[in-house]
Amino acid sequence: MIPIPGGPDDRVVPGVIAGLVAGKFPGVLGGAWPAVRPGLARLSDEPHWRDTAAVSILAGVGFTVSLPIGGLAFGDDRERAAAVTTGVPASSLIASVLLGVRVRKHLNAQDDVVTRAR
């Protein structure tokens, strides 16, 4: 069994995963909605809110800022810094799988519509 940096009682890895996977989705979608509803921004004709939700899931793939912030937060604590380094790719993997499920579901729904049209 591969040991998880930080140990089983450390909350860093679950915290990083929760922030990137569960936090980005409502953050991105919740930021788009109040901009579109009053007319400050608009969606083009093609994408729908379900597509915006898919992009919100994709935002959970967050290497760019997460690793440096984790390094700054836990720079002196090597074990916790290693836990951040484990949590960020784990979050990216989870977000990628969720997005893959979402895209497959969308494509299957489109195939059903095309099949019924024939």
N, C-alpha and C. Protein backbone atom coordinates (compact mmCIF):
# COMPACT_ATOMS: atom_id res chain seq x y z
N MET A 1 0.84 -1.18 0.00
CA MET A 1 0.00 0.00 0.00
C MET A 1 0.89 1.25 0.00
N ILE A 2 0.52 2.22 -0.81
CA ILE A 2 1.29 3.45 -0.92
C ILE A 2 0.90 4.38 0.22
N PRO A 3 1.87 4.86 1.00
CA PRO A 3 1.51 5.77 2.10
C PRO A 3 1.12 7.15 1.55
N ILE A 4 0.11 7.72 2.14
CA ILE A 4 -0.33 9.06 1.76
C ILE A 4 0.46 10.06 2.59
N PRO A 5 1.11 11.02 1.94
CA PRO A 5 1.85 12.03 2.71
C PRO A 5 0.93 12.74 3.70
N GLY A 6 1.44 12.95 4.89
CA GLY A 6 0.67 13.61 5.92
C GLY A 6 -0.01 12.64 6.86
N GLY A 7 -0.12 11.38 6.48
CA GLY A 7 -0.73 10.39 7.35
C GLY A 7 -2.24 10.39 7.27
N PRO A 8 -2.86 9.35 7.81
CA PRO A 8 -4.32 9.22 7.69
C PRO A 8 -5.10 10.26 8.47
N ASP A 9 -4.49 10.86 9.48
CA ASP A 9 -5.21 11.86 10.27
C ASP A 9 -5.04 13.28 9.75
N ASP A 10 -4.17 13.46 8.77
CA ASP A 10 -3.92 14.80 8.23
C ASP A 10 -5.09 15.20 7.33
N ARG A 11 -5.50 16.43 7.44
CA ARG A 11 -6.66 16.91 6.67
C ARG A 11 -6.26 17.67 5.41
N VAL A 12 -4.99 17.70 5.10
CA VAL A 12 -4.55 18.50 3.96
C VAL A 12 -5.04 17.91 2.65
N VAL A 13 -4.81 16.62 2.41
CA VAL A 13 -5.22 16.01 1.13
C VAL A 13 -6.73 16.12 0.94
N PRO A 14 -7.56 15.70 1.90
CA PRO A 14 -9.01 15.88 1.70
C PRO A 14 -9.42 17.34 1.54
N GLY A 15 -8.72 18.24 2.23
CA GLY A 15 -9.03 19.66 2.10
C GLY A 15 -8.73 20.20 0.72
N VAL A 16 -7.59 19.78 0.16
CA VAL A 16 -7.24 20.20 -1.20
C VAL A 16 -8.24 19.65 -2.20
N ILE A 17 -8.60 18.38 -2.04
CA ILE A 17 -9.56 17.76 -2.95
C ILE A 17 -10.92 18.46 -2.84
N ALA A 18 -11.36 18.72 -1.62
CA ALA A 18 -12.65 19.40 -1.44
C ALA A 18 -12.62 20.79 -2.06
N GLY A 19 -11.52 21.50 -1.87
CA GLY A 19 -11.43 22.85 -2.42
C GLY A 19 -11.43 22.88 -3.93
N LEU A 20 -10.66 21.98 -4.53
CA LEU A 20 -10.54 22.01 -5.99
C LEU A 20 -11.72 21.34 -6.70
N VAL A 21 -12.20 20.24 -6.17
CA VAL A 21 -13.29 19.52 -6.85
C VAL A 21 -14.65 20.08 -6.44
N ALA A 22 -14.90 20.14 -5.15
CA ALA A 22 -16.22 20.58 -4.69
C ALA A 22 -16.32 22.11 -4.63
N GLY A 23 -15.22 22.81 -4.48
CA GLY A 23 -15.27 24.26 -4.35
C GLY A 23 -15.29 25.00 -5.67
N LYS A 24 -14.55 24.51 -6.64
CA LYS A 24 -14.48 25.21 -7.93
C LYS A 24 -15.82 25.18 -8.66
N PHE A 25 -16.51 24.05 -8.59
CA PHE A 25 -17.79 23.92 -9.32
C PHE A 25 -18.79 25.00 -8.92
N PRO A 26 -19.15 25.12 -7.64
CA PRO A 26 -20.10 26.19 -7.31
C PRO A 26 -19.50 27.59 -7.46
N GLY A 27 -18.18 27.69 -7.33
CA GLY A 27 -17.55 29.00 -7.47
C GLY A 27 -17.63 29.53 -8.90
N VAL A 28 -17.30 28.69 -9.87
CA VAL A 28 -17.34 29.13 -11.27
C VAL A 28 -18.78 29.27 -11.76
N LEU A 29 -19.59 28.26 -11.49
CA LEU A 29 -20.99 28.33 -11.92
C LEU A 29 -21.73 29.44 -11.18
N GLY A 30 -21.44 29.58 -9.90
CA GLY A 30 -22.08 30.62 -9.10
C GLY A 30 -21.60 32.02 -9.46
N GLY A 31 -20.44 32.12 -10.08
CA GLY A 31 -19.96 33.41 -10.54
C GLY A 31 -20.54 33.77 -11.90
N ALA A 32 -20.82 32.78 -12.71
CA ALA A 32 -21.38 33.04 -14.04
C ALA A 32 -22.85 33.42 -13.97
N TRP A 33 -23.58 32.74 -13.13
CA TRP A 33 -25.03 32.95 -13.07
C TRP A 33 -25.42 34.38 -12.75
N PRO A 34 -24.87 35.01 -11.69
CA PRO A 34 -25.29 36.39 -11.42
C PRO A 34 -24.80 37.40 -12.45
N ALA A 35 -23.84 37.01 -13.27
CA ALA A 35 -23.42 37.91 -14.34
C ALA A 35 -24.34 37.79 -15.56
N VAL A 36 -24.82 36.58 -15.82
CA VAL A 36 -25.67 36.36 -17.00
C VAL A 36 -27.12 36.78 -16.73
N ARG A 37 -27.64 36.45 -15.56
CA ARG A 37 -29.05 36.73 -15.27
C ARG A 37 -29.45 38.19 -15.44
N PRO A 38 -28.72 39.16 -14.87
CA PRO A 38 -29.14 40.56 -15.05
C PRO A 38 -28.69 41.16 -16.38
N GLY A 39 -27.96 40.40 -17.20
CA GLY A 39 -27.55 40.89 -18.50
C GLY A 39 -26.16 41.52 -18.54
N LEU A 40 -25.38 41.39 -17.48
CA LEU A 40 -24.01 41.92 -17.50
C LEU A 40 -23.13 41.12 -18.46
N ALA A 41 -23.46 39.86 -18.65
CA ALA A 41 -22.77 38.98 -19.59
C ALA A 41 -23.84 38.12 -20.25
N ARG A 42 -23.45 37.43 -21.30
CA ARG A 42 -24.43 36.54 -21.94
C ARG A 42 -23.74 35.29 -22.45
N LEU A 43 -24.50 34.23 -22.53
CA LEU A 43 -24.03 33.00 -23.15
C LEU A 43 -24.39 33.07 -24.62
N SER A 44 -23.56 32.54 -25.47
CA SER A 44 -23.92 32.50 -26.89
C SER A 44 -25.06 31.50 -27.08
N ASP A 45 -25.57 31.41 -28.27
CA ASP A 45 -26.73 30.55 -28.53
C ASP A 45 -26.42 29.07 -28.33
N GLU A 46 -25.20 28.66 -28.63
CA GLU A 46 -24.87 27.24 -28.59
C GLU A 46 -24.68 26.68 -27.18
N PRO A 47 -23.81 27.25 -26.34
CA PRO A 47 -23.65 26.62 -25.02
C PRO A 47 -24.85 26.90 -24.12
N HIS A 48 -25.13 25.93 -23.29
CA HIS A 48 -26.22 26.06 -22.33
C HIS A 48 -25.62 26.02 -20.93
N TRP A 49 -26.48 26.14 -19.93
CA TRP A 49 -25.99 26.10 -18.56
C TRP A 49 -25.34 24.77 -18.24
N ARG A 50 -25.79 23.69 -18.87
CA ARG A 50 -25.16 22.38 -18.61
C ARG A 50 -23.72 22.39 -19.13
N ASP A 51 -23.44 23.13 -20.19
CA ASP A 51 -22.07 23.25 -20.69
C ASP A 51 -21.23 24.11 -19.75
N THR A 52 -21.83 25.15 -19.20
CA THR A 52 -21.14 25.97 -18.22
C THR A 52 -20.82 25.14 -16.97
N ALA A 53 -21.74 24.25 -16.61
CA ALA A 53 -21.49 23.35 -15.47
C ALA A 53 -20.31 22.42 -15.76
N ALA A 54 -20.19 21.95 -17.00
CA ALA A 54 -19.07 21.09 -17.37
C ALA A 54 -17.75 21.85 -17.26
N VAL A 55 -17.74 23.09 -17.69
CA VAL A 55 -16.54 23.91 -17.57
C VAL A 55 -16.20 24.15 -16.09
N SER A 56 -17.23 24.28 -15.28
CA SER A 56 -17.02 24.45 -13.84
C SER A 56 -16.35 23.23 -13.23
N ILE A 57 -16.72 22.04 -13.70
CA ILE A 57 -16.06 20.81 -13.24
C ILE A 57 -14.60 20.83 -13.69
N LEU A 58 -14.38 21.25 -14.92
CA LEU A 58 -13.02 21.29 -15.47
C LEU A 58 -12.12 22.22 -14.66
N ALA A 59 -12.68 23.23 -14.05
CA ALA A 59 -11.88 24.15 -13.24
C ALA A 59 -11.21 23.46 -12.06
N GLY A 60 -11.71 22.28 -11.69
CA GLY A 60 -11.10 21.51 -10.61
C GLY A 60 -9.73 20.97 -10.94
N VAL A 61 -9.35 21.01 -12.21
CA VAL A 61 -8.00 20.63 -12.62
C VAL A 61 -7.15 21.87 -12.40
N GLY A 62 -6.63 22.02 -11.18
CA GLY A 62 -6.05 23.30 -10.81
C GLY A 62 -4.61 23.26 -10.36
N PHE A 63 -3.71 22.87 -11.23
CA PHE A 63 -2.29 22.83 -10.86
C PHE A 63 -1.67 24.21 -10.72
N THR A 64 -2.03 25.12 -11.58
CA THR A 64 -1.29 26.36 -11.78
C THR A 64 -1.05 27.15 -10.50
N VAL A 65 -2.08 27.38 -9.73
CA VAL A 65 -1.94 28.19 -8.54
C VAL A 65 -1.88 27.34 -7.27
N SER A 66 -2.49 26.18 -7.29
CA SER A 66 -2.61 25.36 -6.09
C SER A 66 -1.27 24.92 -5.52
N LEU A 67 -0.38 24.49 -6.38
CA LEU A 67 0.92 24.01 -5.88
C LEU A 67 1.76 25.14 -5.27
N PRO A 68 1.89 26.30 -5.91
CA PRO A 68 2.64 27.38 -5.26
C PRO A 68 2.00 27.87 -3.96
N ILE A 69 0.67 27.94 -3.92
CA ILE A 69 -0.01 28.38 -2.70
C ILE A 69 0.23 27.36 -1.59
N GLY A 70 0.15 26.07 -1.93
CA GLY A 70 0.42 25.04 -0.94
C GLY A 70 1.85 25.11 -0.45
N GLY A 71 2.78 25.41 -1.34
CA GLY A 71 4.18 25.56 -0.95
C GLY A 71 4.38 26.74 -0.02
N LEU A 72 3.68 27.84 -0.29
CA LEU A 72 3.78 29.00 0.59
C LEU A 72 3.12 28.73 1.95
N ALA A 73 2.00 28.02 1.92
CA ALA A 73 1.28 27.77 3.16
C ALA A 73 2.03 26.81 4.09
N PHE A 74 2.65 25.80 3.51
CA PHE A 74 3.29 24.76 4.33
C PHE A 74 4.77 24.61 4.01
N GLY A 75 5.41 25.68 3.58
CA GLY A 75 6.81 25.60 3.15
C GLY A 75 7.75 25.00 4.17
N ASP A 76 7.57 25.31 5.44
CA ASP A 76 8.46 24.78 6.48
C ASP A 76 8.08 23.37 6.91
N ASP A 77 6.87 22.96 6.65
CA ASP A 77 6.39 21.63 7.05
C ASP A 77 6.42 20.73 5.81
N ARG A 78 7.51 20.02 5.64
CA ARG A 78 7.71 19.21 4.43
C ARG A 78 6.63 18.14 4.26
N GLU A 79 6.16 17.58 5.36
CA GLU A 79 5.15 16.52 5.27
C GLU A 79 3.82 17.08 4.73
N ARG A 80 3.43 18.23 5.22
CA ARG A 80 2.19 18.83 4.73
C ARG A 80 2.35 19.37 3.31
N ALA A 81 3.51 19.90 2.99
CA ALA A 81 3.76 20.33 1.61
C ALA A 81 3.67 19.15 0.66
N ALA A 82 4.16 17.99 1.10
CA ALA A 82 4.04 16.77 0.29
C ALA A 82 2.58 16.35 0.16
N ALA A 83 1.80 16.57 1.21
CA ALA A 83 0.38 16.24 1.15
C ALA A 83 -0.34 17.11 0.12
N VAL A 84 0.03 18.38 0.03
CA VAL A 84 -0.55 19.25 -0.99
C VAL A 84 -0.17 18.73 -2.37
N THR A 85 1.08 18.34 -2.51
CA THR A 85 1.57 17.82 -3.79
C THR A 85 0.84 16.53 -4.17
N THR A 86 0.34 15.79 -3.21
CA THR A 86 -0.47 14.60 -3.48
C THR A 86 -1.91 14.99 -3.77
N GLY A 87 -2.45 15.93 -3.02
CA GLY A 87 -3.85 16.31 -3.16
C GLY A 87 -4.19 17.00 -4.46
N VAL A 88 -3.28 17.80 -4.98
CA VAL A 88 -3.57 18.54 -6.21
C VAL A 88 -3.72 17.60 -7.41
N PRO A 89 -2.78 16.67 -7.66
CA PRO A 89 -3.01 15.74 -8.78
C PRO A 89 -4.20 14.82 -8.55
N ALA A 90 -4.45 14.43 -7.29
CA ALA A 90 -5.62 13.60 -7.00
C ALA A 90 -6.90 14.36 -7.35
N SER A 91 -6.94 15.64 -7.02
CA SER A 91 -8.09 16.48 -7.36
C SER A 91 -8.26 16.59 -8.87
N SER A 92 -7.16 16.75 -9.56
CA SER A 92 -7.21 16.86 -11.02
C SER A 92 -7.73 15.58 -11.63
N LEU A 93 -7.31 14.45 -11.10
CA LEU A 93 -7.79 13.16 -11.60
C LEU A 93 -9.29 13.02 -11.34
N ILE A 94 -9.74 13.36 -10.15
CA ILE A 94 -11.17 13.26 -9.83
C ILE A 94 -11.98 14.19 -10.72
N ALA A 95 -11.53 15.43 -10.89
CA ALA A 95 -12.25 16.39 -11.75
C ALA A 95 -12.29 15.90 -13.19
N SER A 96 -11.20 15.31 -13.66
CA SER A 96 -11.16 14.79 -15.03
C SER A 96 -12.13 13.64 -15.22
N VAL A 97 -12.20 12.75 -14.24
CA VAL A 97 -13.14 11.63 -14.32
C VAL A 97 -14.58 12.14 -14.30
N LEU A 98 -14.88 13.09 -13.42
CA LEU A 98 -16.23 13.66 -13.36
C LEU A 98 -16.60 14.33 -14.68
N LEU A 99 -15.65 15.06 -15.27
CA LEU A 99 -15.91 15.69 -16.55
C LEU A 99 -16.12 14.65 -17.64
N GLY A 100 -15.32 13.58 -17.62
CA GLY A 100 -15.50 12.50 -18.59
C GLY A 100 -16.88 11.87 -18.49
N VAL A 101 -17.36 11.65 -17.28
CA VAL A 101 -18.70 11.10 -17.08
C VAL A 101 -19.74 12.07 -17.62
N ARG A 102 -19.56 13.35 -17.34
CA ARG A 102 -20.50 14.38 -17.81
C ARG A 102 -20.53 14.46 -19.34
N VAL A 103 -19.38 14.44 -19.96
CA VAL A 103 -19.31 14.52 -21.42
C VAL A 103 -19.91 13.26 -22.05
N ARG A 104 -19.60 12.09 -21.50
CA ARG A 104 -20.16 10.84 -22.04
C ARG A 104 -21.68 10.84 -21.94
N LYS A 105 -22.20 11.31 -20.82
CA LYS A 105 -23.65 11.38 -20.64
C LYS A 105 -24.26 12.31 -21.68
N HIS A 106 -23.61 13.45 -21.92
CA HIS A 106 -24.10 14.41 -22.91
C HIS A 106 -24.06 13.80 -24.32
N LEU A 107 -22.98 13.12 -24.66
CA LEU A 107 -22.88 12.51 -25.99
C LEU A 107 -23.90 11.40 -26.17
N ASN A 108 -24.13 10.62 -25.12
CA ASN A 108 -25.15 9.56 -25.22
C ASN A 108 -26.53 10.15 -25.42
N ALA A 109 -26.82 11.26 -24.77
CA ALA A 109 -28.11 11.92 -24.95
C ALA A 109 -28.26 12.44 -26.38
N GLN A 110 -27.18 12.96 -26.96
CA GLN A 110 -27.22 13.42 -28.34
C GLN A 110 -27.43 12.25 -29.30
N ASP A 111 -26.78 11.12 -29.04
CA ASP A 111 -26.96 9.93 -29.87
C ASP A 111 -28.40 9.45 -29.83
N ASP A 112 -29.04 9.52 -28.65
CA ASP A 112 -30.44 9.12 -28.52
C ASP A 112 -31.34 10.01 -29.35
N VAL A 113 -31.07 11.30 -29.37
CA VAL A 113 -31.86 12.25 -30.16
C VAL A 113 -31.70 11.96 -31.65
N VAL A 114 -30.47 11.69 -32.10
CA VAL A 114 -30.23 11.39 -33.51
C VAL A 114 -30.91 10.09 -33.89
N THR A 115 -30.84 9.08 -33.03
CA THR A 115 -31.46 7.79 -33.32
C THR A 115 -32.98 7.93 -33.42
N ARG A 116 -33.60 8.70 -32.54
CA ARG A 116 -35.06 8.90 -32.59
C ARG A 116 -35.46 9.68 -33.84
N ALA A 117 -34.60 10.56 -34.33
CA ALA A 117 -34.92 11.37 -35.51
C ALA A 117 -34.92 10.54 -36.79
N ARG A 118 -34.25 9.40 -36.77
CA ARG A 118 -34.19 8.56 -37.97
C ARG A 118 -35.42 7.82 -38.13
